[in-house]
């Protein structure tokens, strides 16, 4: 792990701990798991990386979520190929950082 990272894993006992940590983050990047839903419910900006056939809650053909206004969705276009969503997240993250620096 890079020295600039802080491993909070040992400090997390439950979703309340996870929620407290998320409330102090600028952005959560997650797959379609509990933390993605928790971040969305908390109103924390969350980017969700989804498989080609996602859980029904994420609907189809959208880059946003009607349930979580702070969510941005990155979807696989081909089953099993994560290169597209990974590249899209990297581009969006660079754009976000460039916007903060400029």
PDB file of N, CA and C in Angstrom:
ATOM      1  N   UNK A   1       0.847  -1.174   0.000  1.00  0.00           N
ATOM      2  CA  UNK A   1       0.000   0.000   0.000  1.00  0.00           C
ATOM      3  C   UNK A   1       0.897   1.243   0.000  1.00  0.00           C
ATOM      4  N   UNK A   2       0.566   2.227  -0.846  1.00  0.00           N
ATOM      5  CA  UNK A   2       1.372   3.454  -0.871  1.00  0.00           C
ATOM      6  C   UNK A   2       1.336   4.162   0.483  1.00  0.00           C
ATOM      7  N   UNK A   3       2.419   4.831   0.864  1.00  0.00           N
ATOM      8  CA  UNK A   3       2.453   5.503   2.161  1.00  0.00           C
ATOM      9  C   UNK A   3       1.403   6.607   2.296  1.00  0.00           C
ATOM     10  N   UNK A   4       0.898   7.127   1.178  1.00  0.00           N
ATOM     11  CA  UNK A   4      -0.107   8.188   1.253  1.00  0.00           C
ATOM     12  C   UNK A   4      -1.506   7.647   1.549  1.00  0.00           C
ATOM     13  N   UNK A   5      -1.672   6.319   1.581  1.00  0.00           N
ATOM     14  CA  UNK A   5      -2.971   5.707   1.857  1.00  0.00           C
ATOM     15  C   UNK A   5      -3.104   5.441   3.353  1.00  0.00           C
ATOM     16  N   UNK A   6      -4.326   5.570   3.842  1.00  0.00           N
ATOM     17  CA  UNK A   6      -4.628   5.218   5.223  1.00  0.00           C
ATOM     18  C   UNK A   6      -5.603   4.054   5.203  1.00  0.00           C
ATOM     19  N   UNK A   7      -5.216   2.947   5.776  1.00  0.00           N
ATOM     20  CA  UNK A   7      -6.067   1.770   5.838  1.00  0.00           C
ATOM     21  C   UNK A   7      -6.989   1.890   7.049  1.00  0.00           C
ATOM     22  N   UNK A   8      -8.259   2.163   6.795  1.00  0.00           N
ATOM     23  CA  UNK A   8      -9.221   2.305   7.886  1.00  0.00           C
ATOM     24  C   UNK A   8      -9.946   0.993   8.180  1.00  0.00           C
ATOM     25  N   UNK A   9      -9.628  -0.043   7.415  1.00  0.00           N
ATOM     26  CA  UNK A   9     -10.297  -1.332   7.582  1.00  0.00           C
ATOM     27  C   UNK A   9     -10.384  -1.817   9.025  1.00  0.00           C
ATOM     28  N   UNK A  10      -9.286  -1.785   9.758  1.00  0.00           N
ATOM     29  CA  UNK A  10      -9.340  -2.267  11.146  1.00  0.00           C
ATOM     30  C   UNK A  10     -10.267  -1.443  12.046  1.00  0.00           C
ATOM     31  N   UNK A  11     -10.599  -0.222  11.627  1.00  0.00           N
ATOM     32  CA  UNK A  11     -11.443   0.655  12.444  1.00  0.00           C
ATOM     33  C   UNK A  11     -12.925   0.541  12.107  1.00  0.00           C
ATOM     34  N   UNK A  12     -13.264  -0.239  11.094  1.00  0.00           N
ATOM     35  CA  UNK A  12     -14.657  -0.338  10.653  1.00  0.00           C
ATOM     36  C   UNK A  12     -15.296  -1.585  11.251  1.00  0.00           C
ATOM     37  N   UNK A  13     -16.290  -1.359  12.112  1.00  0.00           N
ATOM     38  CA  UNK A  13     -16.991  -2.478  12.748  1.00  0.00           C
ATOM     39  C   UNK A  13     -18.374  -2.688  12.136  1.00  0.00           C
ATOM     40  N   UNK A  14     -18.973  -1.616  11.572  1.00  0.00           N
ATOM     41  CA  UNK A  14     -20.328  -1.732  11.047  1.00  0.00           C
ATOM     42  C   UNK A  14     -20.612  -0.599  10.057  1.00  0.00           C
ATOM     43  N   UNK A  15     -21.854  -0.557   9.551  1.00  0.00           N
ATOM     44  CA  UNK A  15     -22.210   0.476   8.571  1.00  0.00           C
ATOM     45  C   UNK A  15     -22.170   1.877   9.176  1.00  0.00           C
ATOM     46  N   UNK A  16     -22.366   2.007  10.469  1.00  0.00           N
ATOM     47  CA  UNK A  16     -22.279   3.334  11.098  1.00  0.00           C
ATOM     48  C   UNK A  16     -20.857   3.875  10.977  1.00  0.00           C
ATOM     49  N   UNK A  17     -19.870   3.009  11.180  1.00  0.00           N
ATOM     50  CA  UNK A  17     -18.477   3.433  11.009  1.00  0.00           C
ATOM     51  C   UNK A  17     -18.205   3.796   9.556  1.00  0.00           C
ATOM     52  N   UNK A  18     -18.708   2.969   8.644  1.00  0.00           N
ATOM     53  CA  UNK A  18     -18.527   3.243   7.211  1.00  0.00           C
ATOM     54  C   UNK A  18     -19.182   4.569   6.840  1.00  0.00           C
ATOM     55  N   UNK A  19     -20.378   4.823   7.345  1.00  0.00           N
ATOM     56  CA  UNK A  19     -21.090   6.071   7.056  1.00  0.00           C
ATOM     57  C   UNK A  19     -20.319   7.275   7.587  1.00  0.00           C
ATOM     58  N   UNK A  20     -19.755   7.154   8.776  1.00  0.00           N
ATOM     59  CA  UNK A  20     -18.979   8.257   9.353  1.00  0.00           C
ATOM     60  C   UNK A  20     -17.763   8.574   8.503  1.00  0.00           C
ATOM     61  N   UNK A  21     -17.105   7.546   8.001  1.00  0.00           N
ATOM     62  CA  UNK A  21     -15.936   7.764   7.127  1.00  0.00           C
ATOM     63  C   UNK A  21     -16.384   8.411   5.826  1.00  0.00           C
ATOM     64  N   UNK A  22     -17.444   7.865   5.211  1.00  0.00           N
ATOM     65  CA  UNK A  22     -17.918   8.395   3.926  1.00  0.00           C
ATOM     66  C   UNK A  22     -18.343   9.853   4.028  1.00  0.00           C
ATOM     67  N   UNK A  23     -18.912  10.233   5.158  1.00  0.00           N
ATOM     68  CA  UNK A  23     -19.378  11.611   5.337  1.00  0.00           C
ATOM     69  C   UNK A  23     -18.228  12.612   5.238  1.00  0.00           C
ATOM     70  N   UNK A  24     -16.995  12.120   5.354  1.00  0.00           N
ATOM     71  CA  UNK A  24     -15.818  12.991   5.288  1.00  0.00           C
ATOM     72  C   UNK A  24     -15.048  12.864   3.980  1.00  0.00           C
ATOM     73  N   UNK A  25     -15.606  12.148   3.012  1.00  0.00           N
ATOM     74  CA  UNK A  25     -14.936  11.949   1.728  1.00  0.00           C
ATOM     75  C   UNK A  25     -15.513  12.879   0.661  1.00  0.00           C
ATOM     76  N   UNK A  26     -14.690  13.216  -0.312  1.00  0.00           N
ATOM     77  CA  UNK A  26     -15.139  14.016  -1.443  1.00  0.00           C
ATOM     78  C   UNK A  26     -15.824  13.155  -2.496  1.00  0.00           C
ATOM     79  N   UNK A  27     -15.438  11.882  -2.563  1.00  0.00           N
ATOM     80  CA  UNK A  27     -15.953  10.989  -3.604  1.00  0.00           C
ATOM     81  C   UNK A  27     -15.737   9.546  -3.175  1.00  0.00           C
ATOM     82  N   UNK A  28     -16.749   8.711  -3.437  1.00  0.00           N
ATOM     83  CA  UNK A  28     -16.643   7.268  -3.246  1.00  0.00           C
ATOM     84  C   UNK A  28     -16.748   6.629  -4.629  1.00  0.00           C
ATOM     85  N   UNK A  29     -15.836   5.721  -4.943  1.00  0.00           N
ATOM     86  CA  UNK A  29     -15.900   4.950  -6.173  1.00  0.00           C
ATOM     87  C   UNK A  29     -16.096   3.504  -5.759  1.00  0.00           C
ATOM     88  N   UNK A  30     -17.160   2.878  -6.252  1.00  0.00           N
ATOM     89  CA  UNK A  30     -17.506   1.542  -5.787  1.00  0.00           C
ATOM     90  C   UNK A  30     -18.188   0.754  -6.893  1.00  0.00           C
ATOM     91  N   UNK A  31     -18.260  -0.535  -6.685  1.00  0.00           N
ATOM     92  CA  UNK A  31     -19.089  -1.373  -7.550  1.00  0.00           C
ATOM     93  C   UNK A  31     -20.491  -1.398  -6.940  1.00  0.00           C
ATOM     94  N   UNK A  32     -21.376  -2.127  -7.544  1.00  0.00           N
ATOM     95  CA  UNK A  32     -22.758  -2.213  -7.063  1.00  0.00           C
ATOM     96  C   UNK A  32     -22.786  -3.058  -5.793  1.00  0.00           C
ATOM     97  N   UNK A  33     -22.393  -2.446  -4.685  1.00  0.00           N
ATOM     98  CA  UNK A  33     -22.368  -3.130  -3.401  1.00  0.00           C
ATOM     99  C   UNK A  33     -22.997  -2.235  -2.353  1.00  0.00           C
ATOM    100  N   UNK A  34     -23.060  -2.735  -1.139  1.00  0.00           N
ATOM    101  CA  UNK A  34     -23.616  -1.957  -0.033  1.00  0.00           C
ATOM    102  C   UNK A  34     -23.007  -0.581   0.110  1.00  0.00           C
ATOM    103  N   UNK A  35     -21.669  -0.449   0.039  1.00  0.00           N
ATOM    104  CA  UNK A  35     -21.099   0.895   0.171  1.00  0.00           C
ATOM    105  C   UNK A  35     -21.584   1.881  -0.899  1.00  0.00           C
ATOM    106  N   UNK A  36     -21.830   1.421  -2.119  1.00  0.00           N
ATOM    107  CA  UNK A  36     -22.343   2.322  -3.157  1.00  0.00           C
ATOM    108  C   UNK A  36     -23.728   2.834  -2.770  1.00  0.00           C
ATOM    109  N   UNK A  37     -24.575   1.947  -2.278  1.00  0.00           N
ATOM    110  CA  UNK A  37     -25.916   2.353  -1.854  1.00  0.00           C
ATOM    111  C   UNK A  37     -25.851   3.254  -0.616  1.00  0.00           C
ATOM    112  N   UNK A  38     -24.960   2.944   0.307  1.00  0.00           N
ATOM    113  CA  UNK A  38     -24.814   3.767   1.505  1.00  0.00           C
ATOM    114  C   UNK A  38     -24.354   5.174   1.148  1.00  0.00           C
ATOM    115  N   UNK A  39     -23.352   5.290   0.291  1.00  0.00           N
ATOM    116  CA  UNK A  39     -22.882   6.617  -0.130  1.00  0.00           C
ATOM    117  C   UNK A  39     -24.008   7.392  -0.799  1.00  0.00           C
ATOM    118  N   UNK A  40     -24.741   6.740  -1.682  1.00  0.00           N
ATOM    119  CA  UNK A  40     -25.860   7.402  -2.343  1.00  0.00           C
ATOM    120  C   UNK A  40     -26.919   7.864  -1.357  1.00  0.00           C
ATOM    121  N   UNK A  41     -27.244   7.016  -0.399  1.00  0.00           N
ATOM    122  CA  UNK A  41     -28.251   7.372   0.601  1.00  0.00           C
ATOM    123  C   UNK A  41     -27.789   8.526   1.489  1.00  0.00           C
ATOM    124  N   UNK A  42     -26.487   8.620   1.698  1.00  0.00           N
ATOM    125  CA  UNK A  42     -25.932   9.708   2.513  1.00  0.00           C
ATOM    126  C   UNK A  42     -25.782  11.013   1.733  1.00  0.00           C
ATOM    127  N   UNK A  43     -25.943  10.939   0.420  1.00  0.00           N
ATOM    128  CA  UNK A  43     -25.750  12.132  -0.404  1.00  0.00           C
ATOM    129  C   UNK A  43     -24.296  12.419  -0.698  1.00  0.00           C
ATOM    130  N   UNK A  44     -23.422  11.451  -0.461  1.00  0.00           N
ATOM    131  CA  UNK A  44     -22.001  11.596  -0.775  1.00  0.00           C
ATOM    132  C   UNK A  44     -21.827  11.318  -2.270  1.00  0.00           C
ATOM    133  N   UNK A  45     -21.067  12.122  -2.983  1.00  0.00           N
ATOM    134  CA  UNK A  45     -20.823  11.814  -4.396  1.00  0.00           C
ATOM    135  C   UNK A  45     -20.272  10.400  -4.546  1.00  0.00           C
ATOM    136  N   UNK A  46     -20.898   9.616  -5.424  1.00  0.00           N
ATOM    137  CA  UNK A  46     -20.489   8.232  -5.612  1.00  0.00           C
ATOM    138  C   UNK A  46     -20.498   7.888  -7.093  1.00  0.00           C
ATOM    139  N   UNK A  47     -19.413   7.285  -7.545  1.00  0.00           N
ATOM    140  CA  UNK A  47     -19.322   6.770  -8.903  1.00  0.00           C
ATOM    141  C   UNK A  47     -19.423   5.260  -8.799  1.00  0.00           C
ATOM    142  N   UNK A  48     -20.391   4.699  -9.502  1.00  0.00           N
ATOM    143  CA  UNK A  48     -20.666   3.272  -9.406  1.00  0.00           C
ATOM    144  C   UNK A  48     -20.273   2.595 -10.714  1.00  0.00           C
ATOM    145  N   UNK A  49     -19.415   1.595 -10.607  1.00  0.00           N
ATOM    146  CA  UNK A  49     -18.964   0.823 -11.760  1.00  0.00           C
ATOM    147  C   UNK A  49     -19.860  -0.409 -11.852  1.00  0.00           C
ATOM    148  N   UNK A  50     -20.552  -0.540 -12.988  1.00  0.00           N
ATOM    149  CA  UNK A  50     -21.573  -1.585 -13.127  1.00  0.00           C
ATOM    150  C   UNK A  50     -21.234  -2.605 -14.200  1.00  0.00           C
ATOM    151  N   UNK A  51     -21.639  -3.858 -13.980  1.00  0.00           N
ATOM    152  CA  UNK A  51     -21.466  -4.885 -15.011  1.00  0.00           C
ATOM    153  C   UNK A  51     -22.453  -4.665 -16.161  1.00  0.00           C
ATOM    154  N   UNK A  52     -22.258  -5.403 -17.233  1.00  0.00           N
ATOM    155  CA  UNK A  52     -23.110  -5.291 -18.419  1.00  0.00           C
ATOM    156  C   UNK A  52     -24.588  -5.500 -18.079  1.00  0.00           C
ATOM    157  N   UNK A  53     -24.879  -6.452 -17.240  1.00  0.00           N
ATOM    158  CA  UNK A  53     -26.260  -6.708 -16.780  1.00  0.00           C
ATOM    159  C   UNK A  53     -26.322  -6.395 -15.295  1.00  0.00           C
ATOM    160  N   UNK A  54     -26.571  -5.135 -14.942  1.00  0.00           N
ATOM    161  CA  UNK A  54     -26.520  -4.746 -13.536  1.00  0.00           C
ATOM    162  C   UNK A  54     -27.778  -5.159 -12.779  1.00  0.00           C
ATOM    163  N   UNK A  55     -27.704  -5.013 -11.475  1.00  0.00           N
ATOM    164  CA  UNK A  55     -28.871  -5.176 -10.628  1.00  0.00           C
ATOM    165  C   UNK A  55     -29.968  -4.238 -11.131  1.00  0.00           C
ATOM    166  N   UNK A  56     -31.205  -4.649 -11.024  1.00  0.00           N
ATOM    167  CA  UNK A  56     -32.334  -3.891 -11.578  1.00  0.00           C
ATOM    168  C   UNK A  56     -32.420  -2.463 -11.040  1.00  0.00           C
ATOM    169  N   UNK A  57     -31.923  -2.221  -9.860  1.00  0.00           N
ATOM    170  CA  UNK A  57     -32.033  -0.883  -9.247  1.00  0.00           C
ATOM    171  C   UNK A  57     -31.312   0.199 -10.037  1.00  0.00           C
ATOM    172  N   UNK A  58     -30.319  -0.214 -10.833  1.00  0.00           N
ATOM    173  CA  UNK A  58     -29.550   0.765 -11.593  1.00  0.00           C
ATOM    174  C   UNK A  58     -30.177   1.057 -12.941  1.00  0.00           C
ATOM    175  N   UNK A  59     -31.282   0.387 -13.245  1.00  0.00           N
ATOM    176  CA  UNK A  59     -31.990   0.582 -14.514  1.00  0.00           C
ATOM    177  C   UNK A  59     -31.032   0.342 -15.683  1.00  0.00           C
ATOM    178  N   UNK A  60     -31.429   0.739 -16.866  1.00  0.00           N
ATOM    179  CA  UNK A  60     -30.588   0.547 -18.050  1.00  0.00           C
ATOM    180  C   UNK A  60     -30.486   1.870 -18.806  1.00  0.00           C
ATOM    181  N   UNK A  61     -29.372   2.059 -19.516  1.00  0.00           N
ATOM    182  CA  UNK A  61     -29.215   3.206 -20.394  1.00  0.00           C
ATOM    183  C   UNK A  61     -29.148   4.547 -19.698  1.00  0.00           C
ATOM    184  N   UNK A  62     -28.691   4.563 -18.456  1.00  0.00           N
ATOM    185  CA  UNK A  62     -28.591   5.822 -17.703  1.00  0.00           C
ATOM    186  C   UNK A  62     -27.188   5.997 -17.164  1.00  0.00           C
ATOM    187  N   UNK A  63     -26.798   7.242 -16.978  1.00  0.00           N
ATOM    188  CA  UNK A  63     -25.541   7.557 -16.308  1.00  0.00           C
ATOM    189  C   UNK A  63     -25.797   8.155 -14.930  1.00  0.00           C
ATOM    190  N   UNK A  64     -27.069   8.199 -14.545  1.00  0.00           N
ATOM    191  CA  UNK A  64     -27.441   8.730 -13.244  1.00  0.00           C
ATOM    192  C   UNK A  64     -28.441   7.771 -12.599  1.00  0.00           C
ATOM    193  N   UNK A  65     -28.868   8.110 -11.399  1.00  0.00           N
ATOM    194  CA  UNK A  65     -29.822   7.274 -10.674  1.00  0.00           C
ATOM    195  C   UNK A  65     -30.948   8.138 -10.128  1.00  0.00           C
ATOM    196  N   UNK A  66     -32.193   7.728 -10.344  1.00  0.00           N
ATOM    197  CA  UNK A  66     -33.297   8.507  -9.779  1.00  0.00           C
ATOM    198  C   UNK A  66     -33.343   8.414  -8.252  1.00  0.00           C
ATOM    199  N   UNK A  67     -32.705   7.403  -7.685  1.00  0.00           N
ATOM    200  CA  UNK A  67     -32.717   7.224  -6.239  1.00  0.00           C
ATOM    201  C   UNK A  67     -31.585   7.964  -5.557  1.00  0.00           C
ATOM    202  N   UNK A  68     -30.471   8.116  -6.244  1.00  0.00           N
ATOM    203  CA  UNK A  68     -29.290   8.736  -5.647  1.00  0.00           C
ATOM    204  C   UNK A  68     -28.811   9.880  -6.541  1.00  0.00           C
ATOM    205  N   UNK A  69     -29.237  11.113  -6.268  1.00  0.00           N
ATOM    206  CA  UNK A  69     -28.869  12.244  -7.129  1.00  0.00           C
ATOM    207  C   UNK A  69     -27.368  12.501  -7.221  1.00  0.00           C
ATOM    208  N   UNK A  70     -26.591  12.025  -6.260  1.00  0.00           N
ATOM    209  CA  UNK A  70     -25.145  12.255  -6.288  1.00  0.00           C
ATOM    210  C   UNK A  70     -24.396  11.125  -6.994  1.00  0.00           C
ATOM    211  N   UNK A  71     -25.127  10.159  -7.561  1.00  0.00           N
ATOM    212  CA  UNK A  71     -24.485   9.009  -8.206  1.00  0.00           C
ATOM    213  C   UNK A  71     -24.232   9.265  -9.687  1.00  0.00           C
ATOM    214  N   UNK A  72     -23.109   8.757 -10.127  1.00  0.00           N
ATOM    215  CA  UNK A  72     -22.759   8.733 -11.545  1.00  0.00           C
ATOM    216  C   UNK A  72     -22.420   7.285 -11.879  1.00  0.00           C
ATOM    217  N   UNK A  73     -23.009   6.762 -12.949  1.00  0.00           N
ATOM    218  CA  UNK A  73     -22.865   5.350 -13.284  1.00  0.00           C
ATOM    219  C   UNK A  73     -21.924   5.147 -14.465  1.00  0.00           C
ATOM    220  N   UNK A  74     -21.037   4.178 -14.318  1.00  0.00           N
ATOM    221  CA  UNK A  74     -20.085   3.788 -15.362  1.00  0.00           C
ATOM    222  C   UNK A  74     -20.352   2.325 -15.679  1.00  0.00           C
ATOM    223  N   UNK A  75     -20.797   2.047 -16.897  1.00  0.00           N
ATOM    224  CA  UNK A  75     -21.271   0.715 -17.254  1.00  0.00           C
ATOM    225  C   UNK A  75     -20.354  -0.016 -18.227  1.00  0.00           C
ATOM    226  N   UNK A  76     -20.303  -1.328 -18.066  1.00  0.00           N
ATOM    227  CA  UNK A  76     -19.655  -2.168 -19.072  1.00  0.00           C
ATOM    228  C   UNK A  76     -20.489  -2.095 -20.346  1.00  0.00           C
ATOM    229  N   UNK A  77     -19.846  -2.050 -21.493  1.00  0.00           N
ATOM    230  CA  UNK A  77     -20.577  -2.139 -22.757  1.00  0.00           C
ATOM    231  C   UNK A  77     -20.510  -3.554 -23.327  1.00  0.00           C
ATOM    232  N   UNK A  78     -19.523  -4.326 -22.840  1.00  0.00           N
ATOM    233  CA  UNK A  78     -19.386  -5.738 -23.235  1.00  0.00           C
ATOM    234  C   UNK A  78     -19.199  -6.568 -21.975  1.00  0.00           C
ATOM    235  N   UNK A  79     -19.964  -7.622 -21.875  1.00  0.00           N
ATOM    236  CA  UNK A  79     -19.890  -8.513 -20.713  1.00  0.00           C
ATOM    237  C   UNK A  79     -18.446  -8.952 -20.454  1.00  0.00           C
ATOM    238  N   UNK A  80     -18.008  -8.771 -19.216  1.00  0.00           N
ATOM    239  CA  UNK A  80     -16.683  -9.210 -18.808  1.00  0.00           C
ATOM    240  C   UNK A  80     -15.551  -8.251 -19.135  1.00  0.00           C
ATOM    241  N   UNK A  81     -15.818  -7.187 -19.881  1.00  0.00           N
ATOM    242  CA  UNK A  81     -14.767  -6.239 -20.266  1.00  0.00           C
ATOM    243  C   UNK A  81     -14.860  -4.988 -19.387  1.00  0.00           C
ATOM    244  N   UNK A  82     -13.945  -4.909 -18.441  1.00  0.00           N
ATOM    245  CA  UNK A  82     -13.934  -3.777 -17.515  1.00  0.00           C
ATOM    246  C   UNK A  82     -13.062  -2.626 -18.001  1.00  0.00           C
ATOM    247  N   UNK A  83     -12.407  -2.784 -19.158  1.00  0.00           N
ATOM    248  CA  UNK A  83     -11.499  -1.731 -19.623  1.00  0.00           C
ATOM    249  C   UNK A  83     -12.258  -0.433 -19.911  1.00  0.00           C
ATOM    250  N   UNK A  84     -13.420  -0.519 -20.497  1.00  0.00           N
ATOM    251  CA  UNK A  84     -14.198   0.685 -20.812  1.00  0.00           C
ATOM    252  C   UNK A  84     -14.587   1.477 -19.578  1.00  0.00           C
ATOM    253  N   UNK A  85     -15.245   0.830 -18.596  1.00  0.00           N
ATOM    254  CA  UNK A  85     -15.581   1.579 -17.381  1.00  0.00           C
ATOM    255  C   UNK A  85     -14.353   2.084 -16.630  1.00  0.00           C
ATOM    256  N   UNK A  86     -13.283   1.291 -16.595  1.00  0.00           N
ATOM    257  CA  UNK A  86     -12.068   1.732 -15.900  1.00  0.00           C
ATOM    258  C   UNK A  86     -11.480   2.974 -16.569  1.00  0.00           C
ATOM    259  N   UNK A  87     -11.437   2.979 -17.890  1.00  0.00           N
ATOM    260  CA  UNK A  87     -10.921   4.144 -18.614  1.00  0.00           C
ATOM    261  C   UNK A  87     -11.825   5.354 -18.415  1.00  0.00           C
ATOM    262  N   UNK A  88     -13.142   5.142 -18.415  1.00  0.00           N
ATOM    263  CA  UNK A  88     -14.081   6.253 -18.224  1.00  0.00           C
ATOM    264  C   UNK A  88     -13.941   6.850 -16.824  1.00  0.00           C
ATOM    265  N   UNK A  89     -13.786   6.001 -15.808  1.00  0.00           N
ATOM    266  CA  UNK A  89     -13.578   6.496 -14.444  1.00  0.00           C
ATOM    267  C   UNK A  89     -12.261   7.261 -14.363  1.00  0.00           C
ATOM    268  N   UNK A  90     -11.204   6.734 -14.973  1.00  0.00           N
ATOM    269  CA  UNK A  90      -9.901   7.417 -14.946  1.00  0.00           C
ATOM    270  C   UNK A  90      -9.999   8.788 -15.612  1.00  0.00           C
ATOM    271  N   UNK A  91     -10.674   8.862 -16.762  1.00  0.00           N
ATOM    272  CA  UNK A  91     -10.852  10.147 -17.463  1.00  0.00           C
ATOM    273  C   UNK A  91     -11.637  11.135 -16.595  1.00  0.00           C
ATOM    274  N   UNK A  92     -12.726  10.661 -16.018  1.00  0.00           N
ATOM    275  CA  UNK A  92     -13.564  11.532 -15.186  1.00  0.00           C
ATOM    276  C   UNK A  92     -12.806  12.005 -13.950  1.00  0.00           C
ATOM    277  N   UNK A  93     -12.010  11.116 -13.374  1.00  0.00           N
ATOM    278  CA  UNK A  93     -11.224  11.488 -12.193  1.00  0.00           C
ATOM    279  C   UNK A  93     -10.156  12.516 -12.556  1.00  0.00           C
ATOM    280  N   UNK A  94      -9.510  12.313 -13.716  1.00  0.00           N
ATOM    281  CA  UNK A  94      -8.530  13.330 -14.170  1.00  0.00           C
ATOM    282  C   UNK A  94      -9.221  14.672 -14.384  1.00  0.00           C
ATOM    283  N   UNK A  95     -10.402  14.661 -14.979  1.00  0.00           N
ATOM    284  CA  UNK A  95     -11.140  15.899 -15.208  1.00  0.00           C
ATOM    285  C   UNK A  95     -11.522  16.577 -13.895  1.00  0.00           C
ATOM    286  N   UNK A  96     -11.899  15.775 -12.914  1.00  0.00           N
ATOM    287  CA  UNK A  96     -12.243  16.322 -11.607  1.00  0.00           C
ATOM    288  C   UNK A  96     -11.028  16.964 -10.950  1.00  0.00           C
ATOM    289  N   UNK A  97      -9.892  16.284 -10.997  1.00  0.00           N
ATOM    290  CA  UNK A  97      -8.662  16.814 -10.392  1.00  0.00           C
ATOM    291  C   UNK A  97      -8.201  18.055 -11.152  1.00  0.00           C
ATOM    292  N   UNK A  98      -8.246  18.012 -12.481  1.00  0.00           N
ATOM    293  CA  UNK A  98      -7.858  19.183 -13.269  1.00  0.00           C
ATOM    294  C   UNK A  98      -8.727  20.382 -12.925  1.00  0.00           C
ATOM    295  N   UNK A  99     -10.006  20.157 -12.696  1.00  0.00           N
ATOM    296  CA  UNK A  99     -10.917  21.233 -12.321  1.00  0.00           C
ATOM    297  C   UNK A  99     -10.584  21.833 -10.966  1.00  0.00           C
ATOM    298  N   UNK A 100     -10.089  21.024 -10.075  1.00  0.00           N
ATOM    299  CA  UNK A 100      -9.701  21.507  -8.752  1.00  0.00           C
ATOM    300  C   UNK A 100      -8.397  22.298  -8.801  1.00  0.00           C
ATOM    301  N   UNK A 101      -7.523  21.886  -9.710  1.00  0.00           N
ATOM    302  CA  UNK A 101      -6.210  22.559  -9.831  1.00  0.00           C
ATOM    303  C   UNK A 101      -6.295  23.839 -10.631  1.00  0.00           C
ATOM    304  N   UNK A 102      -7.280  23.930 -11.521  1.00  0.00           N
ATOM    305  CA  UNK A 102      -7.365  25.074 -12.422  1.00  0.00           C
ATOM    306  C   UNK A 102      -8.142  26.166 -11.840  1.00  0.00           C
TER     307      UNK A 102
END
